[in-house]
PDB file of N, CA and C in Angstrom:
ATOM      1  N   GLU A   1      -5.737  16.117   4.258  1.00  0.00           N
ATOM      2  CA  GLU A   1      -5.945  15.226   5.573  1.00  0.00           C
ATOM      3  C   GLU A   1      -5.865  13.907   5.427  1.00  0.00           C
ATOM      4  N   GLU A   2      -5.547  12.694   6.405  1.00  0.00           N
ATOM      5  CA  GLU A   2      -4.971  11.466   5.925  1.00  0.00           C
ATOM      6  C   GLU A   2      -6.091  10.250   5.684  1.00  0.00           C
ATOM      7  N   VAL A   3      -5.914   9.734   5.038  1.00  0.00           N
ATOM      8  CA  VAL A   3      -6.745   9.387   4.320  1.00  0.00           C
ATOM      9  C   VAL A   3      -6.613   7.293   4.443  1.00  0.00           C
ATOM     10  N   ARG A   4      -7.478   6.403   5.705  1.00  0.00           N
ATOM     11  CA  ARG A   4      -7.285   5.338   5.211  1.00  0.00           C
ATOM     12  C   ARG A   4      -8.028   4.491   3.931  1.00  0.00           C
ATOM     13  N   THR A   5      -6.835   3.746   3.318  1.00  0.00           N
ATOM     14  CA  THR A   5      -7.205   2.802   1.974  1.00  0.00           C
ATOM     15  C   THR A   5      -8.070   1.468   2.972  1.00  0.00           C
ATOM     16  N   THR A   6      -8.484   0.485   1.888  1.00  0.00           N
ATOM     17  CA  THR A   6      -9.575  -0.630   2.270  1.00  0.00           C
ATOM     18  C   THR A   6      -8.601  -1.653   2.589  1.00  0.00           C
ATOM     19  N   GLN A   7      -7.043  -1.170   2.714  1.00  0.00           N
ATOM     20  CA  GLN A   7      -6.067  -2.464   2.719  1.00  0.00           C
ATOM     21  C   GLN A   7      -5.697  -1.901   3.685  1.00  0.00           C
ATOM     22  N   GLY A   8      -5.664  -0.936   4.660  1.00  0.00           N
ATOM     23  CA  GLY A   8      -5.068  -0.159   5.692  1.00  0.00           C
ATOM     24  C   GLY A   8      -4.119   0.072   5.758  1.00  0.00           C
ATOM     25  N   TYR A   9      -3.353   0.970   4.507  1.00  0.00           N
ATOM     26  CA  TYR A   9      -2.306   2.037   4.481  1.00  0.00           C
ATOM     27  C   TYR A   9      -3.255   3.220   4.816  1.00  0.00           C
ATOM     28  N   SER A  10      -2.239   4.116   4.949  1.00  0.00           N
ATOM     29  CA  SER A  10      -2.767   5.532   5.303  1.00  0.00           C
ATOM     30  C   SER A  10      -1.968   6.372   4.434  1.00  0.00           C
ATOM     31  N   LEU A  11      -2.490   7.338   4.041  1.00  0.00           N
ATOM     32  CA  LEU A  11      -2.283   7.944   2.627  1.00  0.00           C
ATOM     33  C   LEU A  11      -2.254   9.307   3.747  1.00  0.00           C
ATOM     34  N   ASP A  12      -1.751  10.447   2.964  1.00  0.00           N
ATOM     35  CA  ASP A  12      -1.393  12.081   3.514  1.00  0.00           C
ATOM     36  C   ASP A  12      -2.575  12.454   2.920  1.00  0.00           C
ATOM     37  N   ALA A  13      -2.797  12.128   1.616  1.00  0.00           N
ATOM     38  CA  ALA A  13      -3.739  13.097   1.403  1.00  0.00           C
ATOM     39  C   ALA A  13      -4.267  12.075  -0.277  1.00  0.00           C
ATOM     40  N   VAL A  14      -5.569  12.274  -0.711  1.00  0.00           N
ATOM     41  CA  VAL A  14      -5.960  11.811  -1.745  1.00  0.00           C
ATOM     42  C   VAL A  14      -7.034  12.428  -3.038  1.00  0.00           C
ATOM     43  N   VAL A  15      -6.294  12.869  -3.764  1.00  0.00           N
ATOM     44  CA  VAL A  15      -6.644  13.858  -4.638  1.00  0.00           C
ATOM     45  C   VAL A  15      -7.974  13.412  -6.404  1.00  0.00           C
ATOM     46  N   CYS A  16      -8.627  14.006  -6.419  1.00  0.00           N
ATOM     47  CA  CYS A  16      -8.951  13.586  -7.869  1.00  0.00           C
ATOM     48  C   CYS A  16      -8.628  14.250  -8.793  1.00  0.00           C
ATOM     49  N   VAL A  17      -8.195  13.348  -9.635  1.00  0.00           N
ATOM     50  CA  VAL A  17      -7.444  13.912 -10.810  1.00  0.00           C
ATOM     51  C   VAL A  17      -8.207  13.575 -12.419  1.00  0.00           C
ATOM     52  N   ASP A  18      -8.854  14.049 -13.189  1.00  0.00           N
ATOM     53  CA  ASP A  18      -9.838  13.413 -14.709  1.00  0.00           C
ATOM     54  C   ASP A  18     -10.642  12.004 -14.021  1.00  0.00           C
ATOM     55  N   GLY A  19     -11.293  12.238 -13.071  1.00  0.00           N
ATOM     56  CA  GLY A  19     -12.143  11.209 -13.044  1.00  0.00           C
ATOM     57  C   GLY A  19     -11.292  10.345 -11.744  1.00  0.00           C
ATOM     58  N   ARG A  20      -9.784  10.074 -11.440  1.00  0.00           N
ATOM     59  CA  ARG A  20      -9.182   9.404 -10.828  1.00  0.00           C
ATOM     60  C   ARG A  20      -8.870   9.566  -9.027  1.00  0.00           C
ATOM     61  N   GLU A  21      -8.622   8.705  -9.132  1.00  0.00           N
ATOM     62  CA  GLU A  21      -8.055   8.974  -7.734  1.00  0.00           C
ATOM     63  C   GLU A  21      -6.686   8.926  -7.236  1.00  0.00           C
ATOM     64  N   VAL A  22      -5.881  10.090  -7.035  1.00  0.00           N
ATOM     65  CA  VAL A  22      -4.295   9.827  -6.172  1.00  0.00           C
ATOM     66  C   VAL A  22      -4.212  10.335  -5.018  1.00  0.00           C
ATOM     67  N   ALA A  23      -3.554   9.081  -4.711  1.00  0.00           N
ATOM     68  CA  ALA A  23      -2.594   9.313  -3.344  1.00  0.00           C
ATOM     69  C   ALA A  23      -1.601   9.848  -3.647  1.00  0.00           C
ATOM     70  N   VAL A  24      -1.910  10.620  -2.226  1.00  0.00           N
ATOM     71  CA  VAL A  24      -0.653  11.676  -2.619  1.00  0.00           C
ATOM     72  C   VAL A  24       0.380  11.279  -0.943  1.00  0.00           C
ATOM     73  N   GLU A  25       1.968  11.317  -1.376  1.00  0.00           N
ATOM     74  CA  GLU A  25       2.376  11.031  -0.159  1.00  0.00           C
ATOM     75  C   GLU A  25       3.486  12.112   0.191  1.00  0.00           C
ATOM     76  N   VAL A  26       3.343  12.331   1.164  1.00  0.00           N
ATOM     77  CA  VAL A  26       4.810  14.185   1.376  1.00  0.00           C
ATOM     78  C   VAL A  26       5.331  13.203   2.633  1.00  0.00           C
ATOM     79  N   ASP A  27       6.562  12.981   1.849  1.00  0.00           N
ATOM     80  CA  ASP A  27       8.055  11.831   2.578  1.00  0.00           C
ATOM     81  C   ASP A  27       8.734  13.079   2.983  1.00  0.00           C
ATOM     82  N   GLY A  28       8.818  13.383   4.289  1.00  0.00           N
ATOM     83  CA  GLY A  28      10.270  13.912   5.011  1.00  0.00           C
ATOM     84  C   GLY A  28      11.054  12.890   5.321  1.00  0.00           C
ATOM     85  N   PRO A  29      12.349  13.288   6.160  1.00  0.00           N
ATOM     86  CA  PRO A  29      13.688  12.742   5.955  1.00  0.00           C
ATOM     87  C   PRO A  29      13.467  11.326   6.830  1.00  0.00           C
ATOM     88  N   SER A  30      12.468  11.284   7.672  1.00  0.00           N
ATOM     89  CA  SER A  30      12.508   9.617   8.562  1.00  0.00           C
ATOM     90  C   SER A  30      12.065   8.365   6.776  1.00  0.00           C
ATOM     91  N   HIS A  31      11.778   8.612   5.721  1.00  0.00           N
ATOM     92  CA  HIS A  31      11.100   8.064   4.987  1.00  0.00           C
ATOM     93  C   HIS A  31      12.609   8.259   3.715  1.00  0.00           C
ATOM     94  N   PHE A  32      13.397   8.357   4.188  1.00  0.00           N
ATOM     95  CA  PHE A  32      15.008   8.105   3.078  1.00  0.00           C
ATOM     96  C   PHE A  32      16.038   7.915   4.162  1.00  0.00           C
ATOM     97  N   ILE A  33      16.750   7.072   3.156  1.00  0.00           N
ATOM     98  CA  ILE A  33      18.308   7.357   3.291  1.00  0.00           C
ATOM     99  C   ILE A  33      18.860   7.682   2.464  1.00  0.00           C
ATOM    100  N   GLY A  34      19.889   8.599   2.541  1.00  0.00           N
ATOM    101  CA  GLY A  34      20.473  10.012   1.731  1.00  0.00           C
ATOM    102  C   GLY A  34      19.182  10.026   1.060  1.00  0.00           C
ATOM    103  N   ARG A  35      19.166   9.710  -0.322  1.00  0.00           N
ATOM    104  CA  ARG A  35      18.315  10.201  -1.546  1.00  0.00           C
ATOM    105  C   ARG A  35      17.268   9.318  -1.749  1.00  0.00           C
ATOM    106  N   SER A  36      17.224   7.872  -0.942  1.00  0.00           N
ATOM    107  CA  SER A  36      17.247   6.921  -1.584  1.00  0.00           C
ATOM    108  C   SER A  36      15.381   6.086  -0.298  1.00  0.00           C
ATOM    109  N   PRO A  37      14.538   5.873  -0.734  1.00  0.00           N
ATOM    110  CA  PRO A  37      13.625   5.335   0.111  1.00  0.00           C
ATOM    111  C   PRO A  37      14.270   3.691   1.252  1.00  0.00           C
ATOM    112  N   THR A  38      13.304   4.665   2.341  1.00  0.00           N
ATOM    113  CA  THR A  38      13.560   3.021   2.606  1.00  0.00           C
ATOM    114  C   THR A  38      13.317   2.055   2.228  1.00  0.00           C
ATOM    115  N   GLY A  39      13.587   0.947   2.989  1.00  0.00           N
ATOM    116  CA  GLY A  39      12.842  -0.263   2.404  1.00  0.00           C
ATOM    117  C   GLY A  39      11.608  -0.326   2.438  1.00  0.00           C
ATOM    118  N   ALA A  40      10.646   0.419   3.738  1.00  0.00           N
ATOM    119  CA  ALA A  40       9.321   0.085   4.483  1.00  0.00           C
ATOM    120  C   ALA A  40       8.631   1.006   3.311  1.00  0.00           C
ATOM    121  N   THR A  41       9.214   2.151   2.756  1.00  0.00           N
ATOM    122  CA  THR A  41       8.789   3.669   2.118  1.00  0.00           C
ATOM    123  C   THR A  41       8.493   3.014   0.354  1.00  0.00           C
ATOM    124  N   ALA A  42       9.613   2.520   0.077  1.00  0.00           N
ATOM    125  CA  ALA A  42       9.994   1.653  -1.215  1.00  0.00           C
ATOM    126  C   ALA A  42       8.698   0.664  -1.483  1.00  0.00           C
ATOM    127  N   LEU A  43       8.438  -0.176  -0.263  1.00  0.00           N
ATOM    128  CA  LEU A  43       7.377  -1.111  -0.260  1.00  0.00           C
ATOM    129  C   LEU A  43       6.144  -0.817   0.040  1.00  0.00           C
ATOM    130  N   LYS A  44       5.559   0.278   0.857  1.00  0.00           N
ATOM    131  CA  LYS A  44       4.631   0.718   0.156  1.00  0.00           C
ATOM    132  C   LYS A  44       4.055   1.410  -0.518  1.00  0.00           C
ATOM    133  N   ARG A  45       4.951   2.525  -1.386  1.00  0.00           N
ATOM    134  CA  ARG A  45       5.131   2.494  -2.775  1.00  0.00           C
ATOM    135  C   ARG A  45       4.377   1.647  -4.060  1.00  0.00           C
ATOM    136  N   ARG A  46       5.133   0.318  -3.942  1.00  0.00           N
ATOM    137  CA  ARG A  46       5.032  -0.743  -4.931  1.00  0.00           C
ATOM    138  C   ARG A  46       3.840  -1.164  -4.586  1.00  0.00           C
ATOM    139  N   GLN A  47       3.065  -1.206  -3.102  1.00  0.00           N
ATOM    140  CA  GLN A  47       2.138  -2.361  -2.573  1.00  0.00           C
ATOM    141  C   GLN A  47       0.496  -1.081  -3.115  1.00  0.00           C
ATOM    142  N   LEU A  48       0.883  -0.058  -3.072  1.00  0.00           N
ATOM    143  CA  LEU A  48       0.185   0.887  -3.306  1.00  0.00           C
ATOM    144  C   LEU A  48       0.385   0.972  -4.502  1.00  0.00           C
ATOM    145  N   ARG A  49       0.561   1.251  -5.809  1.00  0.00           N
ATOM    146  CA  ARG A  49       0.640   1.139  -6.912  1.00  0.00           C
ATOM    147  C   ARG A  49       0.615  -0.388  -7.740  1.00  0.00           C
ATOM    148  N   ALA A  50       0.667  -1.478  -6.732  1.00  0.00           N
ATOM    149  CA  ALA A  50       0.082  -2.551  -7.625  1.00  0.00           C
ATOM    150  C   ALA A  50      -1.653  -2.877  -7.064  1.00  0.00           C
ATOM    151  N   MET A  51      -1.863  -1.766  -5.811  1.00  0.00           N
ATOM    152  CA  MET A  51      -3.759  -2.031  -6.058  1.00  0.00           C
ATOM    153  C   MET A  51      -4.207  -1.356  -7.087  1.00  0.00           C
ATOM    154  N   GLY A  52      -3.797  -0.320  -7.915  1.00  0.00           N
ATOM    155  CA  GLY A  52      -4.054   0.162  -8.488  1.00  0.00           C
ATOM    156  C   GLY A  52      -3.900   1.492  -8.394  1.00  0.00           C
ATOM    157  N   TRP A  53      -3.803   1.994  -7.225  1.00  0.00           N
ATOM    158  CA  TRP A  53      -3.333   3.336  -6.736  1.00  0.00           C
ATOM    159  C   TRP A  53      -2.308   4.090  -7.320  1.00  0.00           C
ATOM    160  N   PRO A  54      -2.830   5.438  -8.278  1.00  0.00           N
ATOM    161  CA  PRO A  54      -1.856   6.177  -9.040  1.00  0.00           C
ATOM    162  C   PRO A  54      -1.353   6.837  -7.791  1.00  0.00           C
ATOM    163  N   LEU A  55       0.097   7.208  -8.040  1.00  0.00           N
ATOM    164  CA  LEU A  55       0.973   7.857  -6.862  1.00  0.00           C
ATOM    165  C   LEU A  55       1.955   8.908  -6.953  1.00  0.00           C
ATOM    166  N   LEU A  56       1.383  10.248  -6.151  1.00  0.00           N
ATOM    167  CA  LEU A  56       2.630  10.681  -6.462  1.00  0.00           C
ATOM    168  C   LEU A  56       3.401  11.159  -4.909  1.00  0.00           C
ATOM    169  N   ALA A  57       4.760  11.151  -4.787  1.00  0.00           N
ATOM    170  CA  ALA A  57       5.368  10.850  -3.804  1.00  0.00           C
ATOM    171  C   ALA A  57       6.404  12.102  -3.702  1.00  0.00           C
ATOM    172  N   VAL A  58       5.804  12.684  -2.902  1.00  0.00           N
ATOM    173  CA  VAL A  58       6.940  14.787  -2.532  1.00  0.00           C
ATOM    174  C   VAL A  58       7.980  14.238  -1.792  1.00  0.00           C
ATOM    175  N   PRO A  59       9.027  14.363  -2.095  1.00  0.00           N
ATOM    176  CA  PRO A  59      10.536  14.008  -1.159  1.00  0.00           C
ATOM    177  C   PRO A  59      10.307  15.405  -0.887  1.00  0.00           C
ATOM    178  N   TYR A  60      11.147  15.006   0.523  1.00  0.00           N
ATOM    179  CA  TYR A  60      10.442  16.752   1.460  1.00  0.00           C
ATOM    180  C   TYR A  60      11.773  17.635   0.623  1.00  0.00           C
ATOM    181  N   TRP A  61      12.440  17.205   0.150  1.00  0.00           N
ATOM    182  CA  TRP A  61      14.024  18.228  -0.596  1.00  0.00           C
ATOM    183  C   TRP A  61      12.947  18.585  -1.786  1.00  0.00           C
ATOM    184  N   GLU A  62      12.286  18.299  -2.035  1.00  0.00           N
ATOM    185  CA  GLU A  62      11.837  18.985  -3.579  1.00  0.00           C
ATOM    186  C   GLU A  62      10.702  19.924  -3.172  1.00  0.00           C
ATOM    187  N   TRP A  63      10.097  19.308  -2.371  1.00  0.00           N
ATOM    188  CA  TRP A  63       8.727  20.765  -1.695  1.00  0.00           C
ATOM    189  C   TRP A  63       9.857  21.757  -1.063  1.00  0.00           C
ATOM    190  N   GLU A  64      10.483  21.634  -0.214  1.00  0.00           N
ATOM    191  CA  GLU A  64      11.298  23.081   0.464  1.00  0.00           C
ATOM    192  C   GLU A  64      12.501  23.794  -0.654  1.00  0.00           C
ATOM    193  N   LYS A  65      12.433  23.292  -1.842  1.00  0.00           N
ATOM    194  CA  LYS A  65      13.410  24.317  -2.822  1.00  0.00           C
ATOM    195  C   LYS A  65      12.559  25.011  -3.407  1.00  0.00           C
ATOM    196  N   LEU A  66      10.784  25.002  -3.387  1.00  0.00           N
ATOM    197  CA  LEU A  66      10.212  25.494  -4.023  1.00  0.00           C
ATOM    198  C   LEU A  66       9.883  27.046  -2.781  1.00  0.00           C
ATOM    199  N   SER A  67       9.826  28.479  -3.958  1.00  0.00           N
ATOM    200  CA  SER A  67      10.127  29.467  -3.075  1.00  0.00           C
ATOM    201  C   SER A  67       8.267  29.696  -3.281  1.00  0.00           C
ATOM    202  N   ASN A  68       7.357  29.538  -3.852  1.00  0.00           N
ATOM    203  CA  ASN A  68       6.391  30.488  -3.287  1.00  0.00           C
ATOM    204  C   ASN A  68       4.946  28.976  -3.764  1.00  0.00           C
ATOM    205  N   THR A  69       3.697  29.824  -3.359  1.00  0.00           N
ATOM    206  CA  THR A  69       2.513  29.422  -3.674  1.00  0.00           C
ATOM    207  C   THR A  69       2.514  28.598  -5.115  1.00  0.00           C
ATOM    208  N   ALA A  70       2.257  29.594  -6.068  1.00  0.00           N
ATOM    209  CA  ALA A  70       2.788  29.652  -7.396  1.00  0.00           C
ATOM    210  C   ALA A  70       3.585  28.177  -7.966  1.00  0.00           C
ATOM    211  N   GLU A  71       4.973  28.126  -7.664  1.00  0.00           N
ATOM    212  CA  GLU A  71       5.759  27.233  -7.708  1.00  0.00           C
ATOM    213  C   GLU A  71       5.286  25.447  -7.057  1.00  0.00           C
ATOM    214  N   CYS A  72       4.228  25.516  -5.747  1.00  0.00           N
ATOM    215  CA  CYS A  72       3.961  24.659  -5.619  1.00  0.00           C
ATOM    216  C   CYS A  72       2.986  24.349  -5.853  1.00  0.00           C
ATOM    217  N   CYS A  73       1.982  25.018  -6.361  1.00  0.00           N
ATOM    218  CA  CYS A  73       1.199  24.557  -7.294  1.00  0.00           C
ATOM    219  C   CYS A  73       1.702  23.921  -8.542  1.00  0.00           C
ATOM    220  N   LYS A  74       2.217  24.574  -9.412  1.00  0.00           N
ATOM    221  CA  LYS A  74       2.714  24.431 -10.353  1.00  0.00           C
ATOM    222  C   LYS A  74       3.541  22.171 -10.173  1.00  0.00           C
ATOM    223  N   TYR A  75       4.458  22.403  -9.311  1.00  0.00           N
ATOM    224  CA  TYR A  75       4.877  20.779  -8.838  1.00  0.00           C
ATOM    225  C   TYR A  75       3.870  19.584  -8.564  1.00  0.00           C
ATOM    226  N   LEU A  76       2.321  20.472  -7.965  1.00  0.00           N
ATOM    227  CA  LEU A  76       1.590  19.264  -7.747  1.00  0.00           C
ATOM    228  C   LEU A  76       1.065  19.021  -8.845  1.00  0.00           C
ATOM    229  N   GLN A  77       0.626  20.076  -9.259  1.00  0.00           N
ATOM    230  CA  GLN A  77      -0.492  19.767 -10.827  1.00  0.00           C
ATOM    231  C   GLN A  77       0.574  18.840 -11.939  1.00  0.00           C
ATOM    232  N   ARG A  78       2.127  19.336 -11.786  1.00  0.00           N
ATOM    233  CA  ARG A  78       2.776  18.144 -13.184  1.00  0.00           C
ATOM    234  C   ARG A  78       2.598  16.889 -12.341  1.00  0.00           C
ATOM    235  N   GLY A  79       3.150  16.962 -10.616  1.00  0.00           N
ATOM    236  CA  GLY A  79       3.384  15.564 -10.195  1.00  0.00           C
ATOM    237  C   GLY A  79       2.223  14.457 -10.540  1.00  0.00           C
ATOM    238  N   LEU A  80       1.031  14.963 -10.424  1.00  0.00           N
ATOM    239  CA  LEU A  80      -0.524  14.332 -10.172  1.00  0.00           C
ATOM    240  C   LEU A  80      -0.759  14.018 -11.440  1.00  0.00           C
ATOM    241  N   ARG A  81      -0.779  14.462 -12.488  1.00  0.00           N
ATOM    242  CA  ARG A  81      -0.736  14.533 -14.343  1.00  0.00           C
ATOM    243  C   ARG A  81       0.038  13.398 -14.663  1.00  0.00           C
ATOM    244  N   ALA A  82       1.687  13.508 -13.795  1.00  0.00           N
ATOM    245  CA  ALA A  82       2.350  12.328 -14.510  1.00  0.00           C
ATOM    246  C   ALA A  82       1.867  11.145 -13.627  1.00  0.00           C
ATOM    247  N   ALA A  83       1.147  10.790 -12.050  1.00  0.00           N
ATOM    248  CA  ALA A  83       0.708   9.785 -11.400  1.00  0.00           C
ATOM    249  C   ALA A  83      -0.713   9.671 -11.979  1.00  0.00           C
ATOM    250  N   VAL A  84      -1.362   9.704 -13.063  1.00  0.00           N
ATOM    251  CA  VAL A  84      -2.363   9.694 -14.156  1.00  0.00           C
ATOM    252  C   VAL A  84      -2.205   8.663 -15.134  1.00  0.00           C
ATOM    253  N   ALA A  85      -0.943   9.256 -15.942  1.00  0.00           N
ATOM    254  CA  ALA A  85      -0.108   8.883 -16.968  1.00  0.00           C
ATOM    255  C   ALA A  85      -0.012   7.929 -16.759  1.00  0.00           C
ATOM    256  N   VAL A  86       0.850   7.588 -15.590  1.00  0.00           N
ATOM    257  CA  VAL A  86       1.712   6.368 -15.550  1.00  0.00           C
ATOM    258  C   VAL A  86       0.763   5.240 -14.996  1.00  0.00           C
ATOM    259  N   ALA A  87      -0.381   5.399 -14.145  1.00  0.00           N
ATOM    260  CA  ALA A  87      -0.989   4.585 -13.546  1.00  0.00           C
ATOM    261  C   ALA A  87      -1.464   3.945 -15.131  1.00  0.00           C
ATOM    262  N   VAL A  88      -2.313   5.194 -15.920  1.00  0.00           N
ATOM    263  CA  VAL A  88      -2.872   4.249 -16.757  1.00  0.00           C
ATOM    264  C   VAL A  88      -2.347   3.543 -18.117  1.00  0.00           C
ATOM    265  N   ASP A  89      -0.925   4.320 -18.220  1.00  0.00           N
ATOM    266  CA  ASP A  89      -0.135   3.330 -19.091  1.00  0.00           C
ATOM    267  C   ASP A  89       1.342   3.137 -18.387  1.00  0.00           C
ATOM    268  N   PRO A  90       2.152   2.476 -17.981  1.00  0.00           N
ATOM    269  CA  PRO A  90       3.212   2.328 -16.942  1.00  0.00           C
ATOM    270  C   PRO A  90       4.281   2.115 -17.687  1.00  0.00           C
ATOM    271  N   LEU A  91       4.325   2.126 -19.185  1.00  0.00           N
ATOM    272  CA  LEU A  91       5.232   2.393 -20.161  1.00  0.00           C
ATOM    273  C   LEU A  91       5.516   4.030 -20.539  1.00  0.00           C
ATOM    274  N   VAL A  92       4.787   4.267 -19.872  1.00  0.00           N
ATOM    275  CA  VAL A  92       5.130   5.877 -20.136  1.00  0.00           C
ATOM    276  C   VAL A  92       6.513   6.504 -19.879  1.00  0.00           C
ATOM    277  N   VAL A  93       7.030   7.566 -19.884  1.00  0.00           N
ATOM    278  CA  VAL A  93       8.076   8.012 -19.037  1.00  0.00           C
ATOM    279  C   VAL A  93       7.831  10.002 -18.820  1.00  0.00           C
ATOM    280  N   VAL A  94       7.932  10.041 -17.892  1.00  0.00           N
ATOM    281  CA  VAL A  94       7.489  11.501 -17.302  1.00  0.00           C
ATOM    282  C   VAL A  94       8.779  11.844 -16.982  1.00  0.00           C
ATOM    283  N   ASN A  95       9.282  13.208 -17.300  1.00  0.00           N
ATOM    284  CA  ASN A  95      10.164  13.975 -17.258  1.00  0.00           C
ATOM    285  C   ASN A  95       9.737  15.345 -16.065  1.00  0.00           C
TER     286      ASN A  95
END
């Protein structure tokens, strides 16, 4: 369900992970030029992170290659954990 931040940004979803709210953005083709985010998408991501939001951005091509529910769940769990880890320590490297 879409959520609006107090700063006015709309988020595709907000998920609670280890007591922290994580913004989830599912980005379709209009958010990219090739495989690079458009300027508007990159700006929104930067501003959300600067406001303290852990962010999981899900590019459409990564989501489309997942073949079943188990893969989708694993992808989301890994991404959500990584988003929280980066928000806690921006120098952490997540593979």
